[in-house]
Amino acid sequence: NSISYSAALSACERAAAWEHSVSMLEQMLLQRLMPSGLNAGAAAGSVRKRLGRAASSQLLMQLRMLWQEQQLRGMSSDVSAMEICDLPLDANILKASSGVLAILKPAGITTE
């Protein structure tokens, strides 16, 4: 279950066991468990300790895409996948509802 995965991922982070962390994330997905932010942070921490910040950022971006896909599945059809894909990578979806998409966008990004 997700609690067991959280404990194991935290242990992997402390030991910088990045290969085990990534493997556990894959196992979670195979069991249809979506990794939480804490799971992602622990796995990214172990990756960063061994492989550096760029590898850690890449893992987090992949997880972000999974979370966005999951969010899309639960959204109204009024908000299209194309609209989500057009968002800047550092924009965060705050809430989606029928015909409305609220995002937090980074400073300097304009929308029309």
C-alpha atoms as a PDB file:
ATOM      1  CA  ASN A   1       0.000   0.000   0.000  1.00  0.00           C
ATOM      2  CA  SER A   2       0.981   3.641  -0.258  1.00  0.00           C
ATOM      3  CA  ILE A   3       2.101   3.894   3.392  1.00  0.00           C
ATOM      4  CA  SER A   4       4.585   1.062   2.922  1.00  0.00           C
ATOM      5  CA  TYR A   5       5.893   2.661  -0.242  1.00  0.00           C
ATOM      6  CA  SER A   6       6.302   5.991   1.544  1.00  0.00           C
ATOM      7  CA  ALA A   7       8.385   4.412   4.306  1.00  0.00           C
ATOM      8  CA  ALA A   8      10.523   2.493   1.826  1.00  0.00           C
ATOM      9  CA  LEU A   9      11.068   5.546  -0.398  1.00  0.00           C
ATOM     10  CA  SER A  10      12.119   7.605   2.628  1.00  0.00           C
ATOM     11  CA  ALA A  11      14.664   4.923   3.548  1.00  0.00           C
ATOM     12  CA  CYS A  12      15.949   4.927  -0.030  1.00  0.00           C
ATOM     13  CA  GLU A  13      16.343   8.690   0.092  1.00  0.00           C
ATOM     14  CA  ARG A  14      18.438   8.500   3.265  1.00  0.00           C
ATOM     15  CA  ALA A  15      20.622   5.819   1.658  1.00  0.00           C
ATOM     16  CA  ALA A  16      20.714   7.582  -1.737  1.00  0.00           C
ATOM     17  CA  ALA A  17      19.456   4.328  -3.282  1.00  0.00           C
ATOM     18  CA  TRP A  18      18.123   5.969  -6.430  1.00  0.00           C
ATOM     19  CA  GLU A  19      17.690   2.748  -8.440  1.00  0.00           C
ATOM     20  CA  HIS A  20      15.432   1.276  -5.765  1.00  0.00           C
ATOM     21  CA  SER A  21      13.488   4.540  -5.532  1.00  0.00           C
ATOM     22  CA  VAL A  22      12.775   4.635  -9.253  1.00  0.00           C
ATOM     23  CA  SER A  23      11.890   0.945  -9.231  1.00  0.00           C
ATOM     24  CA  MET A  24       9.405   1.518  -6.405  1.00  0.00           C
ATOM     25  CA  LEU A  25       7.746   4.366  -8.282  1.00  0.00           C
ATOM     26  CA  GLU A  26       7.358   2.056 -11.274  1.00  0.00           C
ATOM     27  CA  GLN A  27       5.877  -0.655  -9.034  1.00  0.00           C
ATOM     28  CA  MET A  28       3.417   1.840  -7.561  1.00  0.00           C
ATOM     29  CA  LEU A  29       2.226   2.760 -11.037  1.00  0.00           C
ATOM     30  CA  LEU A  30       1.894  -0.890 -12.025  1.00  0.00           C
ATOM     31  CA  GLN A  31      -0.326  -1.368  -8.976  1.00  0.00           C
ATOM     32  CA  ARG A  32      -2.353   1.698  -9.995  1.00  0.00           C
ATOM     33  CA  LEU A  33      -1.120   3.737  -7.019  1.00  0.00           C
ATOM     34  CA  MET A  34      -0.323   7.320  -7.966  1.00  0.00           C
ATOM     35  CA  PRO A  35       2.831   8.533  -6.196  1.00  0.00           C
ATOM     36  CA  SER A  36       2.187  11.455  -3.863  1.00  0.00           C
ATOM     37  CA  GLY A  37       4.268  14.586  -3.572  1.00  0.00           C
ATOM     38  CA  LEU A  38       6.071  13.030  -0.601  1.00  0.00           C
ATOM     39  CA  ASN A  39       6.864   9.915  -2.645  1.00  0.00           C
ATOM     40  CA  ALA A  40       8.121  12.063  -5.501  1.00  0.00           C
ATOM     41  CA  GLY A  41      10.236  14.182  -3.171  1.00  0.00           C
ATOM     42  CA  ALA A  42      11.875  11.175  -1.544  1.00  0.00           C
ATOM     43  CA  ALA A  43      12.637   9.534  -4.888  1.00  0.00           C
ATOM     44  CA  ALA A  44      13.913  12.806  -6.354  1.00  0.00           C
ATOM     45  CA  GLY A  45      16.102  13.305  -3.294  1.00  0.00           C
ATOM     46  CA  SER A  46      17.793   9.945  -3.746  1.00  0.00           C
ATOM     47  CA  VAL A  47      18.270  10.604  -7.470  1.00  0.00           C
ATOM     48  CA  ARG A  48      19.738  14.054  -6.761  1.00  0.00           C
ATOM     49  CA  LYS A  49      22.210  12.651  -4.219  1.00  0.00           C
ATOM     50  CA  ARG A  50      23.642  10.162  -6.712  1.00  0.00           C
ATOM     51  CA  LEU A  51      22.994  11.601 -10.171  1.00  0.00           C
ATOM     52  CA  GLY A  52      22.629  15.339  -9.617  1.00  0.00           C
ATOM     53  CA  ARG A  53      19.992  18.015  -9.878  1.00  0.00           C
ATOM     54  CA  ALA A  54      19.304  17.606 -13.617  1.00  0.00           C
ATOM     55  CA  ALA A  55      18.364  13.928 -13.233  1.00  0.00           C
ATOM     56  CA  SER A  56      16.225  14.752 -10.219  1.00  0.00           C
ATOM     57  CA  SER A  57      14.416  17.507 -12.133  1.00  0.00           C
ATOM     58  CA  GLN A  58      13.779  15.136 -15.033  1.00  0.00           C
ATOM     59  CA  LEU A  59      12.165  12.599 -12.693  1.00  0.00           C
ATOM     60  CA  LEU A  60       9.953  15.286 -11.181  1.00  0.00           C
ATOM     61  CA  MET A  61       8.887  16.512 -14.628  1.00  0.00           C
ATOM     62  CA  GLN A  62       7.889  12.967 -15.611  1.00  0.00           C
ATOM     63  CA  LEU A  63       5.821  12.654 -12.443  1.00  0.00           C
ATOM     64  CA  ARG A  64       4.253  16.033 -13.095  1.00  0.00           C
ATOM     65  CA  MET A  65       3.126  14.855 -16.521  1.00  0.00           C
ATOM     66  CA  LEU A  66       1.558  11.773 -14.898  1.00  0.00           C
ATOM     67  CA  TRP A  67      -0.266  13.954 -12.380  1.00  0.00           C
ATOM     68  CA  GLN A  68      -1.521  16.229 -15.157  1.00  0.00           C
ATOM     69  CA  GLU A  69      -2.765  13.219 -17.130  1.00  0.00           C
ATOM     70  CA  GLN A  70      -4.579  11.976 -14.048  1.00  0.00           C
ATOM     71  CA  GLN A  71      -6.097  15.407 -13.553  1.00  0.00           C
ATOM     72  CA  LEU A  72      -7.226  15.492 -17.186  1.00  0.00           C
ATOM     73  CA  ARG A  73      -9.038  12.192 -16.781  1.00  0.00           C
ATOM     74  CA  GLY A  74     -11.081  13.713 -13.972  1.00  0.00           C
ATOM     75  CA  MET A  75     -11.826  17.003 -15.752  1.00  0.00           C
ATOM     76  CA  SER A  76     -14.854  18.110 -17.650  1.00  0.00           C
ATOM     77  CA  SER A  77     -14.649  17.754 -21.407  1.00  0.00           C
ATOM     78  CA  ASP A  78     -14.925  21.567 -21.606  1.00  0.00           C
ATOM     79  CA  VAL A  79     -11.224  21.827 -20.767  1.00  0.00           C
ATOM     80  CA  SER A  80      -9.309  20.144 -23.543  1.00  0.00           C
ATOM     81  CA  ALA A  81      -6.033  18.283 -23.261  1.00  0.00           C
ATOM     82  CA  MET A  82      -4.598  20.703 -25.814  1.00  0.00           C
ATOM     83  CA  GLU A  83      -5.228  23.635 -23.474  1.00  0.00           C
ATOM     84  CA  ILE A  84      -3.320  21.857 -20.700  1.00  0.00           C
ATOM     85  CA  CYS A  85      -0.447  20.877 -23.005  1.00  0.00           C
ATOM     86  CA  ASP A  86      -0.051  24.512 -24.091  1.00  0.00           C
ATOM     87  CA  LEU A  87       0.686  25.637 -20.530  1.00  0.00           C
ATOM     88  CA  PRO A  88       4.264  26.522 -19.612  1.00  0.00           C
ATOM     89  CA  LEU A  89       6.038  23.664 -17.819  1.00  0.00           C
ATOM     90  CA  ASP A  90       6.302  25.676 -14.621  1.00  0.00           C
ATOM     91  CA  ALA A  91       2.583  26.596 -14.501  1.00  0.00           C
ATOM     92  CA  ASN A  92       0.493  24.833 -11.865  1.00  0.00           C
ATOM     93  CA  ILE A  93      -3.130  23.826 -12.306  1.00  0.00           C
ATOM     94  CA  LEU A  94      -5.008  25.014  -9.225  1.00  0.00           C
ATOM     95  CA  LYS A  95      -8.529  23.939 -10.145  1.00  0.00           C
ATOM     96  CA  ALA A  96     -10.421  22.729 -13.182  1.00  0.00           C
ATOM     97  CA  SER A  97     -14.162  22.729 -13.512  1.00  0.00           C
ATOM     98  CA  SER A  98     -16.758  22.920 -16.227  1.00  0.00           C
ATOM     99  CA  GLY A  99     -15.365  25.466 -18.682  1.00  0.00           C
ATOM    100  CA  VAL A 100     -12.896  26.941 -16.182  1.00  0.00           C
ATOM    101  CA  LEU A 101      -9.207  26.291 -15.682  1.00  0.00           C
ATOM    102  CA  ALA A 102      -7.412  28.163 -12.879  1.00  0.00           C
ATOM    103  CA  ILE A 103      -3.624  28.144 -13.086  1.00  0.00           C
ATOM    104  CA  LEU A 104      -0.772  29.684 -11.161  1.00  0.00           C
ATOM    105  CA  LYS A 105       1.669  30.887 -13.756  1.00  0.00           C
ATOM    106  CA  PRO A 106       5.239  32.020 -13.203  1.00  0.00           C
ATOM    107  CA  ALA A 107       6.143  35.702 -13.138  1.00  0.00           C
ATOM    108  CA  GLY A 108       6.701  37.187 -16.576  1.00  0.00           C
ATOM    109  CA  ILE A 109       4.402  34.769 -18.422  1.00  0.00           C
ATOM    110  CA  THR A 110       1.445  36.435 -20.110  1.00  0.00           C
ATOM    111  CA  THR A 111      -1.742  34.831 -21.327  1.00  0.00           C
ATOM    112  CA  GLU A 112      -4.429  36.110 -23.643  1.00  0.00           C
END
